[in-house]
PDB file of N, CA and C in Angstrom:
ATOM      1  N   MET A   1      10.546 -58.361  21.266  1.00  0.00           N
ATOM      2  CA  MET A   1      10.273 -59.320  22.355  1.00  0.00           C
ATOM      3  C   MET A   1      10.199 -60.030  21.787  1.00  0.00           C
ATOM      4  N   ASP A   2      10.529 -61.200  22.186  1.00  0.00           N
ATOM      5  CA  ASP A   2      10.199 -62.768  21.256  1.00  0.00           C
ATOM      6  C   ASP A   2       8.659 -63.371  22.321  1.00  0.00           C
ATOM      7  N   ASP A   3       8.324 -64.522  21.654  1.00  0.00           N
ATOM      8  CA  ASP A   3       6.997 -64.499  22.156  1.00  0.00           C
ATOM      9  C   ASP A   3       7.077 -65.236  23.696  1.00  0.00           C
ATOM     10  N   THR A   4       8.223 -66.355  23.723  1.00  0.00           N
ATOM     11  CA  THR A   4       8.715 -66.483  25.230  1.00  0.00           C
ATOM     12  C   THR A   4       8.031 -65.185  26.249  1.00  0.00           C
ATOM     13  N   ALA A   5       8.740 -64.382  25.969  1.00  0.00           N
ATOM     14  CA  ALA A   5       9.203 -62.893  26.548  1.00  0.00           C
ATOM     15  C   ALA A   5       7.476 -62.721  26.910  1.00  0.00           C
ATOM     16  N   ASN A   6       6.591 -62.675  25.630  1.00  0.00           N
ATOM     17  CA  ASN A   6       5.266 -61.960  25.677  1.00  0.00           C
ATOM     18  C   ASN A   6       4.600 -62.859  27.136  1.00  0.00           C
ATOM     19  N   ARG A   7       5.045 -64.309  26.580  1.00  0.00           N
ATOM     20  CA  ARG A   7       4.115 -65.026  27.369  1.00  0.00           C
ATOM     21  C   ARG A   7       4.597 -65.008  28.728  1.00  0.00           C
ATOM     22  N   ILE A   8       5.886 -64.619  29.112  1.00  0.00           N
ATOM     23  CA  ILE A   8       6.127 -64.510  30.598  1.00  0.00           C
ATOM     24  C   ILE A   8       5.417 -63.349  31.460  1.00  0.00           C
ATOM     25  N   MET A   9       5.603 -62.278  30.398  1.00  0.00           N
ATOM     26  CA  MET A   9       4.884 -61.090  30.781  1.00  0.00           C
ATOM     27  C   MET A   9       2.810 -61.318  31.308  1.00  0.00           C
ATOM     28  N   GLU A  10       2.587 -62.180  30.001  1.00  0.00           N
ATOM     29  CA  GLU A  10       1.048 -62.342  30.765  1.00  0.00           C
ATOM     30  C   GLU A  10       0.830 -62.963  32.161  1.00  0.00           C
ATOM     31  N   ILE A  11       2.173 -64.048  32.276  1.00  0.00           N
ATOM     32  CA  ILE A  11       1.797 -65.020  33.411  1.00  0.00           C
ATOM     33  C   ILE A  11       1.885 -64.001  34.473  1.00  0.00           C
ATOM     34  N   LEU A  12       3.119 -63.084  34.550  1.00  0.00           N
ATOM     35  CA  LEU A  12       3.446 -62.274  35.788  1.00  0.00           C
ATOM     36  C   LEU A  12       2.192 -60.785  35.610  1.00  0.00           C
ATOM     37  N   SER A  13       1.737 -61.282  34.557  1.00  0.00           N
ATOM     38  CA  SER A  13       0.420 -59.828  34.996  1.00  0.00           C
ATOM     39  C   SER A  13      -0.579 -60.487  35.760  1.00  0.00           C
ATOM     40  N   GLU A  14      -0.478 -61.980  36.276  1.00  0.00           N
ATOM     41  CA  GLU A  14      -1.430 -62.321  37.133  1.00  0.00           C
ATOM     42  C   GLU A  14      -0.906 -62.392  38.616  1.00  0.00           C
ATOM     43  N   GLY A  15       0.060 -62.050  38.693  1.00  0.00           N
ATOM     44  CA  GLY A  15       0.912 -61.783  40.115  1.00  0.00           C
ATOM     45  C   GLY A  15       2.374 -62.525  40.027  1.00  0.00           C
ATOM     46  N   PRO A  16       3.068 -61.864  41.139  1.00  0.00           N
ATOM     47  CA  PRO A  16       4.496 -62.218  41.529  1.00  0.00           C
ATOM     48  C   PRO A  16       4.504 -63.710  41.078  1.00  0.00           C
ATOM     49  N   LYS A  17       5.902 -64.271  40.548  1.00  0.00           N
ATOM     50  CA  LYS A  17       5.706 -65.934  40.082  1.00  0.00           C
ATOM     51  C   LYS A  17       7.439 -66.137  40.574  1.00  0.00           C
ATOM     52  N   THR A  18       7.762 -67.418  40.706  1.00  0.00           N
ATOM     53  CA  THR A  18       9.178 -67.834  40.417  1.00  0.00           C
ATOM     54  C   THR A  18       9.629 -68.420  39.431  1.00  0.00           C
ATOM     55  N   PRO A  19      10.877 -68.381  39.052  1.00  0.00           N
ATOM     56  CA  PRO A  19      11.086 -69.082  37.683  1.00  0.00           C
ATOM     57  C   PRO A  19      10.631 -70.262  37.718  1.00  0.00           C
ATOM     58  N   ASP A  20      10.656 -71.286  38.786  1.00  0.00           N
ATOM     59  CA  ASP A  20       9.873 -72.543  38.597  1.00  0.00           C
ATOM     60  C   ASP A  20       8.482 -72.588  38.075  1.00  0.00           C
ATOM     61  N   GLU A  21       7.890 -71.795  38.744  1.00  0.00           N
ATOM     62  CA  GLU A  21       6.466 -71.478  38.360  1.00  0.00           C
ATOM     63  C   GLU A  21       5.972 -71.063  37.045  1.00  0.00           C
ATOM     64  N   ILE A  22       6.948 -70.297  36.672  1.00  0.00           N
ATOM     65  CA  ILE A  22       6.940 -69.679  34.981  1.00  0.00           C
ATOM     66  C   ILE A  22       7.544 -71.154  34.254  1.00  0.00           C
ATOM     67  N   ALA A  23       8.415 -72.006  34.400  1.00  0.00           N
ATOM     68  CA  ALA A  23       9.075 -72.900  33.539  1.00  0.00           C
ATOM     69  C   ALA A  23       8.068 -73.834  33.493  1.00  0.00           C
ATOM     70  N   LYS A  24       7.047 -74.460  34.757  1.00  0.00           N
ATOM     71  CA  LYS A  24       5.903 -75.185  34.590  1.00  0.00           C
ATOM     72  C   LYS A  24       5.113 -74.628  34.083  1.00  0.00           C
ATOM     73  N   ARG A  25       4.650 -73.484  33.869  1.00  0.00           N
ATOM     74  CA  ARG A  25       3.520 -72.754  32.972  1.00  0.00           C
ATOM     75  C   ARG A  25       4.162 -72.656  31.271  1.00  0.00           C
ATOM     76  N   LEU A  26       5.140 -72.957  31.006  1.00  0.00           N
ATOM     77  CA  LEU A  26       5.622 -72.444  30.060  1.00  0.00           C
ATOM     78  C   LEU A  26       5.828 -74.228  29.183  1.00  0.00           C
ATOM     79  N   ARG A  27       6.313 -74.986  30.396  1.00  0.00           N
ATOM     80  CA  ARG A  27       6.989 -76.071  30.093  1.00  0.00           C
ATOM     81  C   ARG A  27       8.442 -75.737  29.269  1.00  0.00           C
ATOM     82  N   VAL A  28       9.207 -75.177  29.688  1.00  0.00           N
ATOM     83  CA  VAL A  28      10.373 -74.672  29.369  1.00  0.00           C
ATOM     84  C   VAL A  28      11.389 -75.020  30.558  1.00  0.00           C
ATOM     85  N   SER A  29      12.814 -75.384  30.158  1.00  0.00           N
ATOM     86  CA  SER A  29      13.736 -75.638  31.543  1.00  0.00           C
ATOM     87  C   SER A  29      13.889 -74.684  32.573  1.00  0.00           C
ATOM     88  N   TRP A  30      14.112 -74.687  33.441  1.00  0.00           N
ATOM     89  CA  TRP A  30      13.930 -73.363  34.763  1.00  0.00           C
ATOM     90  C   TRP A  30      15.170 -72.504  34.123  1.00  0.00           C
ATOM     91  N   ALA A  31      16.730 -73.080  33.667  1.00  0.00           N
ATOM     92  CA  ALA A  31      17.253 -72.238  33.109  1.00  0.00           C
ATOM     93  C   ALA A  31      16.515 -71.324  31.796  1.00  0.00           C
ATOM     94  N   THR A  32      16.091 -71.636  30.984  1.00  0.00           N
ATOM     95  CA  THR A  32      15.180 -70.900  30.073  1.00  0.00           C
ATOM     96  C   THR A  32      14.494 -69.833  30.750  1.00  0.00           C
ATOM     97  N   ALA A  33      13.857 -70.179  31.555  1.00  0.00           N
ATOM     98  CA  ALA A  33      12.646 -69.174  32.072  1.00  0.00           C
ATOM     99  C   ALA A  33      13.502 -68.264  32.885  1.00  0.00           C
ATOM    100  N   ASN A  34      14.744 -68.540  33.599  1.00  0.00           N
ATOM    101  CA  ASN A  34      15.194 -67.626  34.250  1.00  0.00           C
ATOM    102  C   ASN A  34      16.413 -66.616  33.511  1.00  0.00           C
ATOM    103  N   GLY A  35      16.638 -67.171  32.517  1.00  0.00           N
ATOM    104  CA  GLY A  35      16.991 -66.075  31.459  1.00  0.00           C
ATOM    105  C   GLY A  35      16.688 -65.508  30.772  1.00  0.00           C
ATOM    106  N   LYS A  36      15.008 -65.702  30.365  1.00  0.00           N
ATOM    107  CA  LYS A  36      14.245 -64.927  30.107  1.00  0.00           C
ATOM    108  C   LYS A  36      13.833 -63.777  31.060  1.00  0.00           C
ATOM    109  N   LEU A  37      13.734 -64.260  32.235  1.00  0.00           N
ATOM    110  CA  LEU A  37      13.350 -63.223  33.161  1.00  0.00           C
ATOM    111  C   LEU A  37      14.147 -62.264  33.561  1.00  0.00           C
ATOM    112  N   HIS A  38      15.880 -62.715  33.502  1.00  0.00           N
ATOM    113  CA  HIS A  38      16.746 -61.864  33.480  1.00  0.00           C
ATOM    114  C   HIS A  38      16.883 -60.808  32.405  1.00  0.00           C
ATOM    115  N   GLN A  39      16.932 -61.125  31.042  1.00  0.00           N
ATOM    116  CA  GLN A  39      16.428 -60.291  29.821  1.00  0.00           C
ATOM    117  C   GLN A  39      15.719 -59.031  30.066  1.00  0.00           C
ATOM    118  N   LEU A  40      14.358 -59.829  30.928  1.00  0.00           N
ATOM    119  CA  LEU A  40      13.249 -58.614  31.257  1.00  0.00           C
ATOM    120  C   LEU A  40      13.494 -57.533  31.612  1.00  0.00           C
ATOM    121  N   ILE A  41      14.438 -58.037  32.943  1.00  0.00           N
ATOM    122  CA  ILE A  41      15.011 -57.191  34.375  1.00  0.00           C
ATOM    123  C   ILE A  41      15.852 -56.337  33.168  1.00  0.00           C
ATOM    124  N   GLY A  42      16.468 -56.435  32.524  1.00  0.00           N
ATOM    125  CA  GLY A  42      17.762 -55.998  31.803  1.00  0.00           C
ATOM    126  C   GLY A  42      17.091 -54.943  30.874  1.00  0.00           C
ATOM    127  N   SER A  43      15.777 -54.948  30.212  1.00  0.00           N
ATOM    128  CA  SER A  43      14.694 -54.177  29.793  1.00  0.00           C
ATOM    129  C   SER A  43      14.003 -53.184  30.216  1.00  0.00           C
ATOM    130  N   GLY A  44      13.862 -53.504  31.877  1.00  0.00           N
ATOM    131  CA  GLY A  44      13.251 -52.253  32.649  1.00  0.00           C
ATOM    132  C   GLY A  44      11.714 -53.182  33.010  1.00  0.00           C
ATOM    133  N   LYS A  45      11.275 -53.916  32.342  1.00  0.00           N
ATOM    134  CA  LYS A  45       9.974 -54.606  32.450  1.00  0.00           C
ATOM    135  C   LYS A  45       9.550 -55.467  33.694  1.00  0.00           C
ATOM    136  N   VAL A  46      10.519 -56.000  34.319  1.00  0.00           N
ATOM    137  CA  VAL A  46      10.143 -56.653  35.150  1.00  0.00           C
ATOM    138  C   VAL A  46      11.317 -56.568  36.314  1.00  0.00           C
ATOM    139  N   ASP A  47      10.940 -56.759  37.592  1.00  0.00           N
ATOM    140  CA  ASP A  47      11.753 -56.598  38.992  1.00  0.00           C
ATOM    141  C   ASP A  47      11.465 -57.710  39.374  1.00  0.00           C
ATOM    142  N   TYR A  48      12.449 -58.039  40.620  1.00  0.00           N
ATOM    143  CA  TYR A  48      12.517 -59.073  41.748  1.00  0.00           C
ATOM    144  C   TYR A  48      12.888 -58.724  42.990  1.00  0.00           C
ATOM    145  N   VAL A  49      12.474 -59.754  43.748  1.00  0.00           N
ATOM    146  CA  VAL A  49      13.061 -59.585  45.218  1.00  0.00           C
ATOM    147  C   VAL A  49      13.449 -61.189  45.772  1.00  0.00           C
ATOM    148  N   ARG A  50      14.393 -60.965  46.362  1.00  0.00           N
ATOM    149  CA  ARG A  50      14.945 -62.388  47.158  1.00  0.00           C
ATOM    150  C   ARG A  50      14.350 -62.650  48.587  1.00  0.00           C
ATOM    151  N   LYS A  51      13.353 -64.092  48.358  1.00  0.00           N
ATOM    152  CA  LYS A  51      13.142 -64.530  49.780  1.00  0.00           C
ATOM    153  C   LYS A  51      13.643 -65.768  49.743  1.00  0.00           C
ATOM    154  N   GLY A  52      14.647 -65.587  50.649  1.00  0.00           N
ATOM    155  CA  GLY A  52      15.435 -66.990  51.249  1.00  0.00           C
ATOM    156  C   GLY A  52      16.478 -67.239  50.034  1.00  0.00           C
ATOM    157  N   ARG A  53      15.758 -68.643  49.473  1.00  0.00           N
ATOM    158  CA  ARG A  53      16.701 -68.816  48.348  1.00  0.00           C
ATOM    159  C   ARG A  53      16.306 -68.627  46.602  1.00  0.00           C
ATOM    160  N   VAL A  54      15.183 -68.240  47.180  1.00  0.00           N
ATOM    161  CA  VAL A  54      14.318 -67.884  46.107  1.00  0.00           C
ATOM    162  C   VAL A  54      14.067 -66.444  45.658  1.00  0.00           C
ATOM    163  N   ASN A  55      14.258 -66.331  44.075  1.00  0.00           N
ATOM    164  CA  ASN A  55      13.759 -64.900  43.179  1.00  0.00           C
ATOM    165  C   ASN A  55      12.430 -65.015  43.105  1.00  0.00           C
ATOM    166  N   ILE A  56      11.770 -63.829  43.305  1.00  0.00           N
ATOM    167  CA  ILE A  56      10.589 -63.639  42.943  1.00  0.00           C
ATOM    168  C   ILE A  56      10.340 -62.523  42.267  1.00  0.00           C
ATOM    169  N   PHE A  57       9.555 -62.990  40.960  1.00  0.00           N
ATOM    170  CA  PHE A  57       9.622 -61.903  40.067  1.00  0.00           C
ATOM    171  C   PHE A  57       8.286 -61.401  39.606  1.00  0.00           C
ATOM    172  N   PHE A  58       8.212 -60.098  39.236  1.00  0.00           N
ATOM    173  CA  PHE A  58       6.661 -59.359  39.157  1.00  0.00           C
ATOM    174  C   PHE A  58       7.041 -57.973  38.318  1.00  0.00           C
ATOM    175  N   LEU A  59       5.849 -57.845  37.892  1.00  0.00           N
ATOM    176  CA  LEU A  59       6.413 -56.617  36.639  1.00  0.00           C
ATOM    177  C   LEU A  59       6.371 -55.282  37.391  1.00  0.00           C
ATOM    178  N   LYS A  60       7.370 -54.440  36.909  1.00  0.00           N
ATOM    179  CA  LYS A  60       7.368 -53.102  37.094  1.00  0.00           C
ATOM    180  C   LYS A  60       6.249 -52.094  37.153  1.00  0.00           C
ATOM    181  N   SER A  61       5.511 -52.481  36.714  1.00  0.00           N
ATOM    182  CA  SER A  61       4.106 -51.869  36.192  1.00  0.00           C
ATOM    183  C   SER A  61       3.337 -52.232  35.305  1.00  0.00           C
ATOM    184  N   PRO A  62       2.000 -52.463  35.582  1.00  0.00           N
ATOM    185  CA  PRO A  62       1.040 -53.137  34.641  1.00  0.00           C
ATOM    186  C   PRO A  62       0.765 -53.038  33.371  1.00  0.00           C
ATOM    187  N   GLN A  63       0.867 -53.915  32.552  1.00  0.00           N
ATOM    188  CA  GLN A  63       0.360 -53.509  31.072  1.00  0.00           C
ATOM    189  C   GLN A  63      -0.476 -53.008  30.894  1.00  0.00           C
ATOM    190  N   SER A  64      -1.646 -53.029  31.658  1.00  0.00           N
ATOM    191  CA  SER A  64      -2.335 -52.010  31.186  1.00  0.00           C
ATOM    192  C   SER A  64      -3.308 -52.060  32.440  1.00  0.00           C
ATOM    193  N   LEU A  65      -4.090 -50.856  32.042  1.00  0.00           N
ATOM    194  CA  LEU A  65      -4.816 -50.319  33.828  1.00  0.00           C
ATOM    195  C   LEU A  65      -6.264 -50.248  33.332  1.00  0.00           C
ATOM    196  N   GLY A  66      -7.114 -50.702  34.045  1.00  0.00           N
ATOM    197  CA  GLY A  66      -8.442 -50.824  33.487  1.00  0.00           C
ATOM    198  C   GLY A  66      -9.108 -50.165  34.721  1.00  0.00           C
ATOM    199  N   PHE A  67     -10.253 -49.158  34.501  1.00  0.00           N
ATOM    200  CA  PHE A  67     -10.672 -48.777  35.551  1.00  0.00           C
ATOM    201  C   PHE A  67     -12.207 -48.603  35.428  1.00  0.00           C
ATOM    202  N   GLU A  68     -13.007 -49.039  36.500  1.00  0.00           N
ATOM    203  CA  GLU A  68     -14.369 -49.452  36.111  1.00  0.00           C
ATOM    204  C   GLU A  68     -14.971 -48.317  36.798  1.00  0.00           C
ATOM    205  N   VAL A  69     -15.820 -47.607  35.786  1.00  0.00           N
ATOM    206  CA  VAL A  69     -16.122 -46.180  36.509  1.00  0.00           C
ATOM    207  C   VAL A  69     -17.815 -46.896  37.064  1.00  0.00           C
ATOM    208  N   PRO A  70     -18.478 -46.377  38.077  1.00  0.00           N
ATOM    209  CA  PRO A  70     -19.729 -47.089  38.661  1.00  0.00           C
ATOM    210  C   PRO A  70     -20.909 -46.411  37.674  1.00  0.00           C
ATOM    211  N   VAL A  71     -22.100 -46.790  37.287  1.00  0.00           N
ATOM    212  CA  VAL A  71     -22.919 -46.588  36.863  1.00  0.00           C
ATOM    213  C   VAL A  71     -23.331 -44.968  37.163  1.00  0.00           C
ATOM    214  N   TRP A  72     -23.289 -44.940  38.028  1.00  0.00           N
ATOM    215  CA  TRP A  72     -24.482 -43.939  38.782  1.00  0.00           C
ATOM    216  C   TRP A  72     -23.110 -42.710  39.032  1.00  0.00           C
ATOM    217  N   VAL A  73     -21.910 -42.480  38.515  1.00  0.00           N
ATOM    218  CA  VAL A  73     -21.214 -41.393  38.351  1.00  0.00           C
ATOM    219  C   VAL A  73     -21.676 -40.470  36.757  1.00  0.00           C
ATOM    220  N   LYS A  74     -21.329 -39.430  36.814  1.00  0.00           N
ATOM    221  CA  LYS A  74     -21.880 -38.834  35.907  1.00  0.00           C
ATOM    222  C   LYS A  74     -20.979 -37.347  35.972  1.00  0.00           C
ATOM    223  N   SER A  75     -20.415 -36.922  34.869  1.00  0.00           N
ATOM    224  CA  SER A  75     -19.759 -36.239  34.832  1.00  0.00           C
ATOM    225  C   SER A  75     -20.230 -34.791  34.661  1.00  0.00           C
ATOM    226  N   LYS A  76     -19.763 -33.408  35.314  1.00  0.00           N
ATOM    227  CA  LYS A  76     -20.155 -32.229  35.651  1.00  0.00           C
ATOM    228  C   LYS A  76     -19.574 -31.185  34.654  1.00  0.00           C
ATOM    229  N   SER A  77     -20.190 -30.507  34.408  1.00  0.00           N
ATOM    230  CA  SER A  77     -19.263 -29.233  33.765  1.00  0.00           C
ATOM    231  C   SER A  77     -18.480 -28.512  34.844  1.00  0.00           C
ATOM    232  N   LEU A  78     -17.439 -27.459  34.498  1.00  0.00           N
ATOM    233  CA  LEU A  78     -16.827 -26.613  35.964  1.00  0.00           C
ATOM    234  C   LEU A  78     -17.847 -25.913  36.449  1.00  0.00           C
ATOM    235  N   ALA A  79     -18.480 -25.317  35.426  1.00  0.00           N
ATOM    236  CA  ALA A  79     -19.762 -24.253  36.010  1.00  0.00           C
ATOM    237  C   ALA A  79     -20.556 -25.230  36.817  1.00  0.00           C
ATOM    238  N   GLU A  80     -21.244 -25.992  37.072  1.00  0.00           N
ATOM    239  CA  GLU A  80     -21.845 -26.873  37.903  1.00  0.00           C
ATOM    240  C   GLU A  80     -21.348 -27.154  39.083  1.00  0.00           C
ATOM    241  N   LEU A  81     -20.031 -27.655  39.187  1.00  0.00           N
ATOM    242  CA  LEU A  81     -18.757 -27.606  40.179  1.00  0.00           C
ATOM    243  C   LEU A  81     -19.272 -26.284  41.010  1.00  0.00           C
ATOM    244  N   ALA A  82     -18.714 -25.189  40.210  1.00  0.00           N
ATOM    245  CA  ALA A  82     -18.491 -23.888  40.783  1.00  0.00           C
ATOM    246  C   ALA A  82     -19.566 -23.801  41.701  1.00  0.00           C
ATOM    247  N   GLU A  83     -20.744 -23.845  40.695  1.00  0.00           N
ATOM    248  CA  GLU A  83     -22.219 -23.586  41.595  1.00  0.00           C
ATOM    249  C   GLU A  83     -22.337 -24.453  42.853  1.00  0.00           C
ATOM    250  N   GLU A  84     -21.811 -25.376  43.020  1.00  0.00           N
ATOM    251  CA  GLU A  84     -22.004 -26.862  44.031  1.00  0.00           C
ATOM    252  C   GLU A  84     -21.371 -26.154  45.184  1.00  0.00           C
ATOM    253  N   LEU A  85     -20.000 -25.819  45.217  1.00  0.00           N
ATOM    254  CA  LEU A  85     -19.099 -25.322  45.693  1.00  0.00           C
ATOM    255  C   LEU A  85     -18.822 -23.798  46.391  1.00  0.00           C
ATOM    256  N   GLU A  86     -19.930 -22.963  45.555  1.00  0.00           N
ATOM    257  CA  GLU A  86     -20.288 -21.617  45.899  1.00  0.00           C
ATOM    258  C   GLU A  86     -20.782 -21.094  47.461  1.00  0.00           C
ATOM    259  N   PRO A  87     -21.464 -22.256  48.008  1.00  0.00           N
ATOM    260  CA  PRO A  87     -22.150 -21.811  49.739  1.00  0.00           C
ATOM    261  C   PRO A  87     -21.026 -21.997  50.596  1.00  0.00           C
ATOM    262  N   TYR A  88     -19.811 -22.569  50.085  1.00  0.00           N
ATOM    263  CA  TYR A  88     -18.806 -22.599  51.322  1.00  0.00           C
ATOM    264  C   TYR A  88     -17.511 -21.870  51.228  1.00  0.00           C
ATOM    265  N   PHE A  89     -18.129 -21.034  50.479  1.00  0.00           N
ATOM    266  CA  PHE A  89     -17.210 -19.459  50.326  1.00  0.00           C
ATOM    267  C   PHE A  89     -17.510 -18.502  50.564  1.00  0.00           C
ATOM    268  N   GLU A  90     -17.009 -17.653  51.196  1.00  0.00           N
ATOM    269  CA  GLU A  90     -17.533 -16.514  51.942  1.00  0.00           C
ATOM    270  C   GLU A  90     -17.344 -15.103  50.738  1.00  0.00           C
ATOM    271  N   GLU A  91     -18.469 -14.548  50.815  1.00  0.00           N
ATOM    272  CA  GLU A  91     -18.315 -13.293  49.625  1.00  0.00           C
ATOM    273  C   GLU A  91     -17.333 -12.445  50.324  1.00  0.00           C
ATOM    274  N   GLU A  92     -17.058 -11.751  49.060  1.00  0.00           N
ATOM    275  CA  GLU A  92     -15.947 -10.473  49.120  1.00  0.00           C
ATOM    276  C   GLU A  92     -14.406 -10.704  49.955  1.00  0.00           C
ATOM    277  N   ILE A  93     -14.187 -12.271  49.849  1.00  0.00           N
ATOM    278  CA  ILE A  93     -12.965 -12.365  50.746  1.00  0.00           C
ATOM    279  C   ILE A  93     -11.991 -12.339  49.488  1.00  0.00           C
ATOM    280  N   THR A  94     -10.488 -11.929  49.961  1.00  0.00           N
ATOM    281  CA  THR A  94      -9.973 -12.139  48.835  1.00  0.00           C
ATOM    282  C   THR A  94      -8.865 -12.966  49.485  1.00  0.00           C
ATOM    283  N   ALA A  95      -7.613 -13.765  48.762  1.00  0.00           N
ATOM    284  CA  ALA A  95      -6.815 -14.772  49.095  1.00  0.00           C
ATOM    285  C   ALA A  95      -5.768 -14.107  50.480  1.00  0.00           C
ATOM    286  N   ALA A  96      -5.423 -12.691  50.298  1.00  0.00           N
ATOM    287  CA  ALA A  96      -4.753 -12.149  51.246  1.00  0.00           C
ATOM    288  C   ALA A  96      -5.618 -12.551  52.813  1.00  0.00           C
ATOM    289  N   ASP A  97      -6.634 -12.482  52.816  1.00  0.00           N
ATOM    290  CA  ASP A  97      -7.492 -11.920  54.014  1.00  0.00           C
ATOM    291  C   ASP A  97      -7.419 -13.976  54.364  1.00  0.00           C
ATOM    292  N   ILE A  98      -7.514 -14.517  53.510  1.00  0.00           N
ATOM    293  CA  ILE A  98      -7.432 -16.337  53.815  1.00  0.00           C
ATOM    294  C   ILE A  98      -6.266 -16.668  54.497  1.00  0.00           C
ATOM    295  N   VAL A  99      -5.332 -16.125  54.135  1.00  0.00           N
ATOM    296  CA  VAL A  99      -3.898 -16.638  54.256  1.00  0.00           C
ATOM    297  C   VAL A  99      -3.490 -16.010  55.776  1.00  0.00           C
ATOM    298  N   ARG A 100      -4.010 -14.696  55.759  1.00  0.00           N
ATOM    299  CA  ARG A 100      -3.703 -13.918  57.187  1.00  0.00           C
ATOM    300  C   ARG A 100      -4.825 -14.821  58.001  1.00  0.00           C
ATOM    301  N   ARG A 101      -5.930 -15.242  58.027  1.00  0.00           N
ATOM    302  CA  ARG A 101      -6.308 -16.129  58.876  1.00  0.00           C
ATOM    303  C   ARG A 101      -5.981 -17.149  59.299  1.00  0.00           C
ATOM    304  N   GLU A 102      -5.363 -18.126  58.125  1.00  0.00           N
ATOM    305  CA  GLU A 102      -4.709 -19.298  58.504  1.00  0.00           C
ATOM    306  C   GLU A 102      -3.380 -18.852  59.218  1.00  0.00           C
ATOM    307  N   ARG A 103      -2.603 -17.872  59.149  1.00  0.00           N
ATOM    308  CA  ARG A 103      -1.780 -17.639  60.024  1.00  0.00           C
ATOM    309  C   ARG A 103      -1.998 -17.253  61.374  1.00  0.00           C
ATOM    310  N   ARG A 104      -3.302 -16.948  61.806  1.00  0.00           N
ATOM    311  CA  ARG A 104      -3.537 -16.620  63.121  1.00  0.00           C
ATOM    312  C   ARG A 104      -3.640 -17.837  63.740  1.00  0.00           C
ATOM    313  N   LYS A 105      -4.336 -19.290  63.140  1.00  0.00           N
ATOM    314  CA  LYS A 105      -4.358 -20.286  63.852  1.00  0.00           C
ATOM    315  C   LYS A 105      -2.957 -20.509  64.432  1.00  0.00           C
ATOM    316  N   TYR A 106      -1.718 -20.293  63.646  1.00  0.00           N
ATOM    317  CA  TYR A 106      -0.681 -20.822  64.226  1.00  0.00           C
ATOM    318  C   TYR A 106       0.232 -19.990  65.063  1.00  0.00           C
TER     319      TYR A 106
END
């Protein structure tokens, strides 16, 4: 992928844009921006929707996903999770018993 295509991908990562908006940001002609956008569509990285007489281009999927984990989140082992869930399950009940109870509801 060339430099112009990379810059277009960066611009589209901010949100959907028209070819005119991209052309102005890159300081290239509308035709150049539109041509590069259609090349990106061909490579499967960009898609577009038509609104009236204008095409609006957007990334098919974000280039990178970033998730911020809150500071209070602490991971637990499976044993700890099992202990927490233990009070919610009856003792000596089988999967077949659970299925029978569920079927009786309907």
